[in-house]
Amino acid sequence: MSPGLLLSVLHILLLLAVGARVLLRPYRQPASRIAWIVVILSVPFLGIIAYILFGEVSIGRKRIARMRKVAASLRELDTAPGGNTSFIAAGPERYQHLFRIGHSITGLSPVDGNSGRLMADSNAAIDAMVGDIDAAVDHVHLLFYIWLPDNNGCKVVAALQRAALRGVTVRAMADALGSRLMIKSAHWQAMRDSGIQVAVALPIANPLLRPFAGRIDLRNHRKIVVIDGGITYCGSQNCADPEFLVKAAYAPWVDAVIRFSGPIAQHNQFLFACDWMSHVNEDIRHLLQQPVTATPGGFVAQAFGTGPTVRFSAMPEMFESIMHAARSELLISTPYFVPSESMLEALCACAYRGVKTTIIFPAKNDSRIVGAASRSYYPALLDAGVAVYEYVGGLLHTKSLTIDGEVSLIGSANMDRRSFDLNYENNILFVDRQLTANLYQRQQQYLQASTHITAEHIETWTLPHRLWNNAVAMFGPVL
């Protein structure tokens, strides 16, 4: 057999083997299977390499086993925030099913007695965090996907150092990829020298060997701050200046963060403990058993975290369930929008059944690929009656959802395949008219700084523009 023929036979056998793996891989949507088969067949060898690097959701068997074991052990605690599976009266009966979905994801039951305050802007959020860190008496926990050594990033570093020097236990974790500038900076070692316990989430190590231990692009996208077990922050903001100098062309980055106090802080404590104990050989489960003071008459809330080691499709199920629960109005802001078919249908169904449905995207997206894919869905949304807006005052990075003036969802998750299937995310669901009204008002401010996208606007798109958008969206399942 000639070398050329032998190579062709080996290539065909490899195509069949990889194709069979694509078809047999569990928890994969048909559209994703088709997209990967097309990539593998249309790009010889490179398609196979692409699938090996990015085709499967795996962070490595040992890491998966450790993270699942830690999460399971924490849920078994009788007094842990997720240990009691009996439900309180979680707001109106019509929203009970939303909290049951949240419970099925992370095992955390909804808790009442919470209060919350929406931060005025990104700088105000950092200042509030610094103030709470300076007032901490027992411990401070912090986890960010992106932590930059800029003005705000260094303000937090200094506050953590002050806390550690006065005897407060400080644990800080940052994603290996998103926070690489901080981790490689002198500030990281300075925190160690101050007595701060630091850890790197999902370390990359040797990038050439990393793919053999799991995908390199599966990241910890969470943003969690917990002070003394009773105060926590949740929202879209990373630990950085709104000018976001690493991508200054898209600045300012517009985020929304809520400062919560009450038992909901222990939910974020649970998520932090899961991540910390999965990477650090330290058992901090005792912190989940500390009592937290509830606010009299406070609202019901629930946190949940998703990721590659959590059950498949958890985050999109929550988004879609909230959409189906809307009766009068649904308002969403998200920077990245590459929905599954079921999510697009749920969103359109809201408008079809008479719900005032609005979604706000950034006019200028830092991901040209995702921005193009998002715009490919505009015609379907407009045909269904969904009002589409593009924010022009910077990169709208807020991930928020409000329905009927009562229910809100805020956190780190975008409405795209990466947040749904690949990244570790954290969100908080709550039922409260006043705090929802505050978040809704912020969304209204976004609308006032946005351009209303109409069918006439889309008709001005050139043919190459349309072809590019739709071609990119076709590969949405592999983005």
Protein backbone atom coordinates (compact mmCIF):
# COMPACT_ATOMS: atom_id res chain seq x y z
CA MET A 1 0.00 0.00 0.00
CA SER A 2 1.39 3.40 -0.98
CA PRO A 3 2.03 6.00 1.73
CA GLY A 4 -0.63 8.25 0.21
CA LEU A 5 -3.26 5.53 0.26
CA LEU A 6 -2.29 4.51 3.80
CA LEU A 7 -2.64 8.09 4.96
CA SER A 8 -6.07 8.36 3.35
CA VAL A 9 -7.25 5.15 5.01
CA LEU A 10 -5.98 6.32 8.40
CA HIS A 11 -7.71 9.66 7.91
CA ILE A 12 -11.00 7.97 7.07
CA LEU A 13 -10.72 5.66 10.10
CA LEU A 14 -9.95 8.66 12.30
CA LEU A 15 -12.94 10.55 10.89
CA LEU A 16 -15.20 7.59 11.64
CA ALA A 17 -13.84 7.22 15.16
CA VAL A 18 -14.18 10.91 16.03
CA GLY A 19 -17.58 11.09 14.30
CA ALA A 20 -18.79 8.15 16.37
CA ARG A 21 -17.60 9.87 19.53
CA VAL A 22 -19.55 13.00 18.57
CA LEU A 23 -22.70 10.92 18.05
CA LEU A 24 -22.27 8.89 21.23
CA ARG A 25 -21.34 11.76 23.54
CA PRO A 26 -24.15 12.15 26.12
CA TYR A 27 -26.05 15.39 26.79
CA ARG A 28 -25.38 16.90 23.38
CA GLN A 29 -28.11 18.62 21.41
CA PRO A 30 -28.71 17.41 17.83
CA ALA A 31 -27.74 20.84 16.46
CA SER A 32 -24.40 20.61 18.23
CA ARG A 33 -23.75 17.12 16.85
CA ILE A 34 -24.53 18.28 13.32
CA ALA A 35 -22.31 21.35 13.65
CA TRP A 36 -19.35 19.33 14.86
CA ILE A 37 -19.80 16.66 12.17
CA VAL A 38 -19.76 19.44 9.55
CA VAL A 39 -16.58 20.92 11.05
CA ILE A 40 -14.84 17.55 11.19
CA LEU A 41 -15.75 16.58 7.63
CA SER A 42 -15.21 19.97 5.99
CA VAL A 43 -11.79 20.78 7.46
CA PRO A 44 -9.50 17.74 7.16
CA PHE A 45 -7.36 17.06 10.24
CA LEU A 46 -7.90 20.59 11.60
CA GLY A 47 -11.55 19.77 12.27
CA ILE A 48 -10.50 16.74 14.29
CA ILE A 49 -7.97 18.80 16.23
CA ALA A 50 -10.62 21.45 16.89
CA TYR A 51 -12.97 18.81 18.28
CA ILE A 52 -10.25 17.37 20.52
CA LEU A 53 -9.49 20.83 21.89
CA PHE A 54 -12.98 22.30 22.11
CA GLY A 55 -15.56 19.65 21.30
CA GLU A 56 -16.20 18.16 24.73
CA VAL A 57 -17.04 19.71 28.07
CA SER A 58 -14.35 18.24 30.30
CA ILE A 59 -12.01 19.81 32.82
CA GLY A 60 -10.28 16.51 33.51
CA ARG A 61 -11.54 13.37 35.23
CA LYS A 62 -9.64 13.89 38.48
CA ARG A 63 -10.79 17.49 38.77
CA ILE A 64 -14.40 16.58 37.97
CA ALA A 65 -14.39 13.82 40.59
CA ARG A 66 -12.91 16.12 43.25
CA MET A 67 -15.32 18.99 42.58
CA ARG A 68 -18.38 16.72 42.61
CA LYS A 69 -17.21 15.03 45.79
CA VAL A 70 -16.73 18.39 47.53
CA ALA A 71 -20.15 19.69 46.45
CA ALA A 72 -21.87 16.47 47.55
CA SER A 73 -20.18 16.52 50.96
CA LEU A 74 -21.20 20.12 51.58
CA ARG A 75 -24.82 19.43 50.62
CA GLU A 76 -24.94 16.63 53.20
CA LEU A 77 -24.48 19.06 56.09
CA ASP A 78 -27.70 19.18 58.09
CA THR A 79 -27.30 22.87 58.88
CA ALA A 80 -25.79 23.91 55.55
CA PRO A 81 -27.84 26.32 53.44
CA GLY A 82 -28.69 23.46 51.10
CA GLY A 83 -29.16 20.81 53.75
CA ASN A 84 -32.83 21.49 54.42
CA THR A 85 -34.93 20.48 51.41
CA SER A 86 -38.21 21.64 52.94
CA PHE A 87 -39.41 24.78 51.21
CA ILE A 88 -40.42 27.97 52.94
CA ALA A 89 -43.26 30.05 51.52
CA ALA A 90 -41.10 31.35 48.68
CA GLY A 91 -43.17 34.34 47.72
CA PRO A 92 -46.34 33.99 45.64
CA GLU A 93 -47.36 30.45 44.77
CA ARG A 94 -46.93 31.11 41.05
CA TYR A 95 -43.17 31.46 41.55
CA GLN A 96 -42.62 28.36 43.69
CA HIS A 97 -41.60 26.30 40.66
CA LEU A 98 -38.75 28.69 39.91
CA PHE A 99 -37.19 28.05 43.31
CA ARG A 100 -37.68 24.31 42.87
CA ILE A 101 -35.67 24.48 39.66
CA GLY A 102 -32.99 26.44 41.50
CA HIS A 103 -32.96 23.81 44.22
CA SER A 104 -32.53 21.05 41.66
CA ILE A 105 -29.41 22.77 40.33
CA THR A 106 -27.33 23.38 43.45
CA GLY A 107 -29.43 21.90 46.24
CA LEU A 108 -29.97 25.23 47.99
CA SER A 109 -33.45 25.91 49.33
CA PRO A 110 -34.81 29.46 49.11
CA VAL A 111 -34.24 31.59 52.21
CA ASP A 112 -36.17 34.60 53.49
CA GLY A 113 -35.14 37.50 55.69
CA ASN A 114 -32.89 39.14 53.08
CA SER A 115 -32.30 42.77 52.13
CA GLY A 116 -30.55 44.20 49.11
CA ARG A 117 -29.25 47.43 47.63
CA LEU A 118 -28.44 48.06 43.98
CA MET A 119 -25.08 49.76 43.60
CA ALA A 120 -25.09 53.10 41.74
CA ASP A 121 -22.31 52.12 39.35
CA SER A 122 -19.12 50.06 39.05
CA ASN A 123 -16.95 52.39 41.14
CA ALA A 124 -19.62 52.60 43.84
CA ALA A 125 -19.76 48.80 43.95
CA ILE A 126 -16.00 48.55 44.51
CA ASP A 127 -16.11 51.27 47.16
CA ALA A 128 -18.92 49.42 48.97
CA MET A 129 -16.93 46.17 48.84
CA VAL A 130 -13.87 47.94 50.23
CA GLY A 131 -15.98 49.45 53.02
CA ASP A 132 -17.39 46.05 53.97
CA ILE A 133 -13.93 44.44 53.83
CA ASP A 134 -12.60 47.17 56.12
CA ALA A 135 -15.45 46.42 58.55
CA ALA A 136 -14.97 42.63 58.46
CA VAL A 137 -14.26 40.97 61.81
CA ASP A 138 -13.98 37.25 60.98
CA HIS A 139 -13.44 36.40 57.32
CA VAL A 140 -13.53 37.71 53.75
CA HIS A 141 -14.00 35.51 50.70
CA LEU A 142 -13.52 36.77 47.17
CA LEU A 143 -13.70 35.08 43.76
CA PHE A 144 -13.51 36.84 40.40
CA TYR A 145 -13.16 35.72 36.82
CA ILE A 146 -11.31 38.93 35.89
CA TRP A 147 -9.28 40.75 38.51
CA LEU A 148 -7.08 43.46 37.02
CA PRO A 149 -4.16 45.28 38.65
CA ASP A 150 -5.78 48.63 37.89
CA ASN A 151 -7.17 51.30 40.22
CA ASN A 152 -10.21 49.37 41.46
CA GLY A 153 -8.38 46.04 41.44
CA CYS A 154 -5.59 47.47 43.60
CA LYS A 155 -8.09 49.17 45.96
CA VAL A 156 -9.51 45.72 46.70
CA VAL A 157 -6.01 44.28 47.13
CA ALA A 158 -5.18 46.99 49.67
CA ALA A 159 -8.43 46.40 51.57
CA LEU A 160 -7.76 42.65 51.73
CA GLN A 161 -4.24 43.32 53.02
CA ARG A 162 -5.56 45.63 55.72
CA ALA A 163 -8.07 42.98 56.77
CA ALA A 164 -5.45 40.24 56.92
CA LEU A 165 -3.04 42.40 58.93
CA ARG A 166 -5.68 42.99 61.61
CA GLY A 167 -6.33 39.24 61.96
CA VAL A 168 -9.26 38.67 59.60
CA THR A 169 -9.04 35.42 57.62
CA VAL A 170 -8.92 36.32 53.92
CA ARG A 171 -9.32 33.84 51.09
CA ALA A 172 -9.04 35.14 47.54
CA MET A 173 -9.42 33.16 44.34
CA ALA A 174 -9.12 34.24 40.71
CA ASP A 175 -9.50 32.46 37.39
CA ALA A 176 -6.18 31.45 35.85
CA LEU A 177 -6.99 32.89 32.43
CA GLY A 178 -9.24 35.86 33.12
CA SER A 179 -7.07 37.17 36.00
CA ARG A 180 -3.65 36.22 34.60
CA LEU A 181 -2.43 39.85 34.75
CA MET A 182 -3.16 40.07 38.48
CA ILE A 183 -1.82 36.58 39.21
CA LYS A 184 1.46 37.38 37.41
CA SER A 185 1.78 40.78 39.04
CA ALA A 186 3.67 41.70 42.21
CA HIS A 187 0.32 42.30 43.94
CA TRP A 188 -0.41 38.55 44.05
CA GLN A 189 2.79 37.77 45.98
CA ALA A 190 2.25 40.83 48.14
CA MET A 191 -1.13 39.44 49.19
CA ARG A 192 0.53 36.16 50.14
CA ASP A 193 3.13 38.06 52.16
CA SER A 194 0.31 39.87 53.99
CA GLY A 195 -1.16 36.55 55.14
CA ILE A 196 -3.90 36.32 52.53
CA GLN A 197 -4.65 32.81 51.30
CA VAL A 198 -4.74 32.98 47.50
CA ALA A 199 -5.72 30.31 45.00
CA VAL A 200 -5.92 30.05 41.22
CA ALA A 201 -9.12 28.61 39.76
CA LEU A 202 -8.71 26.09 36.92
CA PRO A 203 -4.93 26.50 36.49
CA ILE A 204 -3.68 26.09 32.94
CA ALA A 205 -0.11 24.92 33.67
CA ASN A 206 1.55 23.93 30.39
CA PRO A 207 -0.82 25.12 27.62
CA LEU A 208 0.54 22.48 25.24
CA LEU A 209 -0.24 19.64 27.63
CA ARG A 210 -3.39 21.17 29.18
CA PRO A 211 -5.77 19.89 26.42
CA PHE A 212 -4.95 16.30 27.40
CA ALA A 213 -6.29 17.00 30.91
CA GLY A 214 -9.42 18.84 29.77
CA ARG A 215 -10.46 21.88 27.77
CA ILE A 216 -8.39 24.99 28.34
CA ASP A 217 -11.30 27.36 27.67
CA LEU A 218 -13.58 26.09 30.45
CA ARG A 219 -13.33 28.92 32.96
CA ASN A 220 -14.61 29.99 36.37
CA HIS A 221 -16.69 33.02 35.35
CA ARG A 222 -18.15 33.63 38.82
CA LYS A 223 -18.06 36.90 40.73
CA ILE A 224 -18.53 36.28 44.47
CA VAL A 225 -17.72 38.37 47.54
CA VAL A 226 -18.74 37.20 51.02
CA ILE A 227 -17.98 39.13 54.23
CA ASP A 228 -18.42 37.49 57.65
CA GLY A 229 -20.99 35.08 56.19
CA GLY A 230 -23.76 37.70 56.29
CA ILE A 231 -22.99 40.07 53.41
CA THR A 232 -22.53 39.15 49.78
CA TYR A 233 -22.35 40.79 46.37
CA CYS A 234 -23.78 39.43 43.14
CA GLY A 235 -23.82 40.82 39.62
CA SER A 236 -21.97 41.11 36.34
CA GLN A 237 -19.00 43.18 37.46
CA ASN A 238 -15.44 41.93 37.56
CA CYS A 239 -12.85 43.41 39.91
CA ALA A 240 -11.69 46.18 37.58
CA ASP A 241 -12.21 49.76 36.51
CA PRO A 242 -15.17 50.45 34.19
CA GLU A 243 -12.60 51.80 31.72
CA PHE A 244 -11.39 48.16 31.48
CA LEU A 245 -8.02 49.04 29.95
CA VAL A 246 -7.41 45.53 28.55
CA LYS A 247 -10.31 46.24 26.17
CA ALA A 248 -10.46 50.03 26.33
CA ALA A 249 -11.97 50.35 22.85
CA TYR A 250 -15.31 49.13 24.22
CA ALA A 251 -15.32 51.17 27.45
CA PRO A 252 -16.98 52.00 29.64
CA TRP A 253 -18.17 48.57 30.71
CA VAL A 254 -21.60 49.02 32.22
CA ASP A 255 -22.43 46.61 35.04
CA ALA A 256 -25.01 46.08 37.75
CA VAL A 257 -24.20 44.71 41.21
CA ILE A 258 -26.45 44.16 44.22
CA ARG A 259 -25.22 44.09 47.81
CA PHE A 260 -27.24 41.50 49.72
CA SER A 261 -27.35 40.91 53.45
CA GLY A 262 -29.03 38.04 55.26
CA PRO A 263 -29.15 34.25 54.84
CA ILE A 264 -28.65 34.51 51.07
CA ALA A 265 -25.00 35.29 51.82
CA GLN A 266 -24.60 31.69 52.97
CA HIS A 267 -25.70 30.52 49.53
CA ASN A 268 -22.79 32.35 47.95
CA GLN A 269 -20.66 31.05 50.81
CA PHE A 270 -21.62 27.54 49.73
CA LEU A 271 -20.60 28.22 46.12
CA PHE A 272 -17.32 29.74 47.22
CA ALA A 273 -16.62 26.79 49.53
CA CYS A 274 -17.26 24.38 46.65
CA ASP A 275 -14.70 26.17 44.49
CA TRP A 276 -12.18 26.74 47.29
CA MET A 277 -12.19 23.18 48.63
CA SER A 278 -11.95 21.82 45.09
CA HIS A 279 -8.66 23.65 44.57
CA VAL A 280 -7.21 24.04 48.08
CA ASN A 281 -6.61 21.36 50.66
CA GLU A 282 -8.57 23.21 53.35
CA ASP A 283 -11.91 22.26 54.83
CA ILE A 284 -14.03 25.38 55.46
CA ARG A 285 -17.41 23.69 55.82
CA HIS A 286 -17.74 24.95 59.39
CA LEU A 287 -18.41 28.41 57.96
CA LEU A 288 -21.63 27.10 56.43
CA GLN A 289 -22.90 26.24 59.91
CA GLN A 290 -22.57 29.71 61.37
CA PRO A 291 -25.87 31.49 62.11
CA VAL A 292 -26.81 34.49 59.99
CA THR A 293 -29.07 37.29 61.18
CA ALA A 294 -32.21 37.65 59.05
CA THR A 295 -33.86 40.97 58.26
CA PRO A 296 -37.41 41.13 59.68
CA GLY A 297 -39.82 41.18 56.76
CA GLY A 298 -36.97 40.59 54.33
CA PHE A 299 -37.49 39.01 50.92
CA VAL A 300 -37.01 35.48 49.61
CA ALA A 301 -33.92 34.71 47.56
CA GLN A 302 -31.96 31.78 46.25
CA ALA A 303 -28.51 31.45 44.71
CA PHE A 304 -27.50 28.73 42.31
CA GLY A 305 -24.31 27.89 40.51
CA THR A 306 -23.79 26.03 37.27
CA GLY A 307 -20.83 24.64 35.38
CA PRO A 308 -19.36 21.59 33.64
CA THR A 309 -19.67 19.48 36.82
CA VAL A 310 -23.32 20.47 37.41
CA ARG A 311 -26.21 18.81 35.62
CA PHE A 312 -26.56 19.56 31.93
CA SER A 313 -28.78 22.46 30.75
CA ALA A 314 -29.33 23.81 34.27
CA MET A 315 -28.85 27.52 33.53
CA PRO A 316 -30.97 27.67 30.34
CA GLU A 317 -33.76 25.82 32.15
CA MET A 318 -33.88 28.57 34.75
CA PHE A 319 -33.86 31.35 32.14
CA GLU A 320 -36.61 29.66 30.12
CA SER A 321 -38.72 28.94 33.20
CA ILE A 322 -38.61 32.60 34.20
CA MET A 323 -39.64 33.59 30.68
CA HIS A 324 -42.59 31.20 30.80
CA ALA A 325 -43.58 32.60 34.21
CA ALA A 326 -43.93 36.17 32.89
CA ARG A 327 -47.52 37.39 32.68
CA SER A 328 -47.29 41.10 31.86
CA GLU A 329 -43.69 42.18 31.22
CA LEU A 330 -40.28 40.65 30.65
CA LEU A 331 -37.17 42.86 30.41
CA ILE A 332 -33.70 41.43 29.76
CA SER A 333 -30.23 42.87 29.36
CA THR A 334 -27.37 40.65 28.20
CA PRO A 335 -24.11 41.31 26.38
CA TYR A 336 -23.81 37.88 24.73
CA PHE A 337 -26.78 36.20 23.10
CA VAL A 338 -26.40 32.84 21.33
CA PRO A 339 -29.52 30.99 22.52
CA SER A 340 -30.55 27.40 22.10
CA GLU A 341 -33.65 26.75 20.00
CA SER A 342 -35.78 26.22 23.11
CA MET A 343 -34.63 29.51 24.65
CA LEU A 344 -35.33 31.47 21.47
CA GLU A 345 -38.78 29.87 21.31
CA ALA A 346 -39.46 30.68 24.98
CA LEU A 347 -38.50 34.31 24.42
CA CYS A 348 -40.65 34.62 21.32
CA ALA A 349 -43.54 32.83 23.05
CA CYS A 350 -43.60 35.58 25.69
CA ALA A 351 -44.28 38.20 23.06
CA TYR A 352 -46.74 36.00 21.15
CA ARG A 353 -48.92 35.54 24.23
CA GLY A 354 -49.09 39.29 24.87
CA VAL A 355 -46.28 39.80 27.37
CA LYS A 356 -44.41 43.07 26.84
CA THR A 357 -41.02 41.58 25.99
CA THR A 358 -37.86 43.67 25.66
CA ILE A 359 -34.22 42.71 25.33
CA ILE A 360 -31.19 45.05 25.36
CA PHE A 361 -27.83 44.22 23.77
CA PRO A 362 -24.66 46.30 23.49
CA ALA A 363 -24.37 48.08 20.14
CA LYS A 364 -20.62 47.41 20.13
CA ASN A 365 -19.64 43.93 21.28
CA ASP A 366 -16.10 43.00 22.31
CA SER A 367 -16.67 39.64 20.61
CA ARG A 368 -17.26 40.22 16.91
CA ILE A 369 -18.26 36.58 16.45
CA VAL A 370 -20.87 36.59 19.22
CA GLY A 371 -22.14 40.01 18.16
CA ALA A 372 -22.76 38.74 14.64
CA ALA A 373 -24.46 35.59 15.91
CA SER A 374 -26.71 37.69 18.18
CA ARG A 375 -27.87 39.89 15.31
CA SER A 376 -28.83 36.86 13.25
CA TYR A 377 -31.70 36.32 15.71
CA TYR A 378 -33.07 39.86 15.42
CA PRO A 379 -35.54 39.08 12.57
CA ALA A 380 -37.14 36.20 14.48
CA LEU A 381 -37.39 38.29 17.65
CA LEU A 382 -38.95 41.24 15.83
CA ASP A 383 -41.41 39.01 13.97
CA ALA A 384 -42.61 37.67 17.33
CA GLY A 385 -43.09 41.18 18.70
CA VAL A 386 -40.01 41.32 20.92
CA ALA A 387 -38.67 44.87 21.29
CA VAL A 388 -34.93 44.85 20.52
CA TYR A 389 -32.58 47.63 21.64
CA GLU A 390 -28.85 48.25 21.31
CA TYR A 391 -27.12 50.20 24.07
CA VAL A 392 -24.74 52.86 22.77
CA GLY A 393 -23.20 54.21 25.99
CA GLY A 394 -20.43 51.64 26.21
CA LEU A 395 -20.38 47.88 26.49
CA LEU A 396 -23.55 46.92 28.35
CA HIS A 397 -22.22 44.02 30.42
CA THR A 398 -25.16 43.71 32.83
CA LYS A 399 -26.84 40.32 32.93
CA SER A 400 -30.30 41.07 34.33
CA LEU A 401 -33.84 39.81 33.99
CA THR A 402 -37.01 41.20 35.58
CA ILE A 403 -40.61 40.02 35.24
CA ASP A 404 -43.93 41.54 36.27
CA GLY A 405 -42.39 44.01 38.73
CA GLU A 406 -41.78 41.24 41.27
CA VAL A 407 -39.07 38.78 40.26
CA SER A 408 -35.45 39.42 39.31
CA LEU A 409 -32.45 37.36 38.27
CA ILE A 410 -28.96 38.83 38.43
CA GLY A 411 -25.51 37.33 38.25
CA SER A 412 -22.65 36.29 36.02
CA ALA A 413 -24.42 34.17 33.39
CA ASN A 414 -24.87 35.39 29.84
CA MET A 415 -27.51 34.04 27.47
CA ASP A 416 -25.08 32.06 25.35
CA ARG A 417 -23.76 28.53 25.02
CA ARG A 418 -20.59 29.35 26.95
CA SER A 419 -22.47 30.36 30.09
CA PHE A 420 -24.96 27.53 29.66
CA ASP A 421 -22.56 24.65 29.09
CA LEU A 422 -18.93 25.64 29.65
CA ASN A 423 -18.29 28.23 32.35
CA TYR A 424 -18.88 28.14 36.09
CA GLU A 425 -21.51 30.80 36.80
CA ASN A 426 -23.45 32.13 39.80
CA ASN A 427 -26.82 33.90 39.87
CA ILE A 428 -29.32 34.99 42.50
CA LEU A 429 -33.09 34.80 42.05
CA PHE A 430 -35.26 36.91 44.32
CA VAL A 431 -38.87 38.04 44.76
CA ASP A 432 -39.17 41.62 46.00
CA ARG A 433 -41.13 44.49 44.50
CA GLN A 434 -38.88 47.29 45.75
CA LEU A 435 -35.52 45.80 44.74
CA THR A 436 -36.99 44.59 41.45
CA ALA A 437 -38.30 48.12 40.86
CA ASN A 438 -34.79 49.47 41.44
CA LEU A 439 -33.28 47.00 38.98
CA TYR A 440 -36.09 47.70 36.51
CA GLN A 441 -35.35 51.42 36.74
CA ARG A 442 -31.72 50.71 35.92
CA GLN A 443 -32.86 48.73 32.89
CA GLN A 444 -34.99 51.71 31.87
CA GLN A 445 -31.88 53.88 32.01
CA TYR A 446 -30.23 51.44 29.63
CA LEU A 447 -33.20 51.75 27.29
CA GLN A 448 -32.97 55.52 27.29
CA ALA A 449 -29.36 55.24 26.10
CA SER A 450 -30.20 52.68 23.42
CA THR A 451 -31.23 52.57 19.79
CA HIS A 452 -34.54 50.87 19.02
CA ILE A 453 -33.88 48.23 16.36
CA THR A 454 -36.74 47.88 13.87
CA ALA A 455 -37.42 45.84 10.75
CA GLU A 456 -36.57 48.92 8.69
CA HIS A 457 -33.20 49.08 10.40
CA ILE A 458 -32.45 45.45 9.52
CA GLU A 459 -33.40 46.08 5.89
CA THR A 460 -30.45 48.45 5.65
CA TRP A 461 -28.01 45.63 6.36
CA THR A 462 -25.96 44.71 3.30
CA LEU A 463 -26.01 41.21 1.84
CA PRO A 464 -22.46 40.44 3.08
CA HIS A 465 -23.56 41.64 6.53
CA ARG A 466 -26.51 39.23 6.55
CA LEU A 467 -24.42 36.35 5.21
CA TRP A 468 -21.79 36.89 7.90
CA ASN A 469 -24.34 37.02 10.73
CA ASN A 470 -26.18 33.88 9.63
CA ALA A 471 -23.01 31.94 8.79
CA VAL A 472 -21.60 32.62 12.25
CA ALA A 473 -24.90 31.71 13.93
CA MET A 474 -24.93 28.40 12.09
CA PHE A 475 -21.95 27.40 14.19
CA GLY A 476 -23.53 28.70 17.38
CA PRO A 477 -23.57 25.20 18.93
CA VAL A 478 -19.76 25.07 18.77
CA LEU A 479 -19.06 28.67 19.86
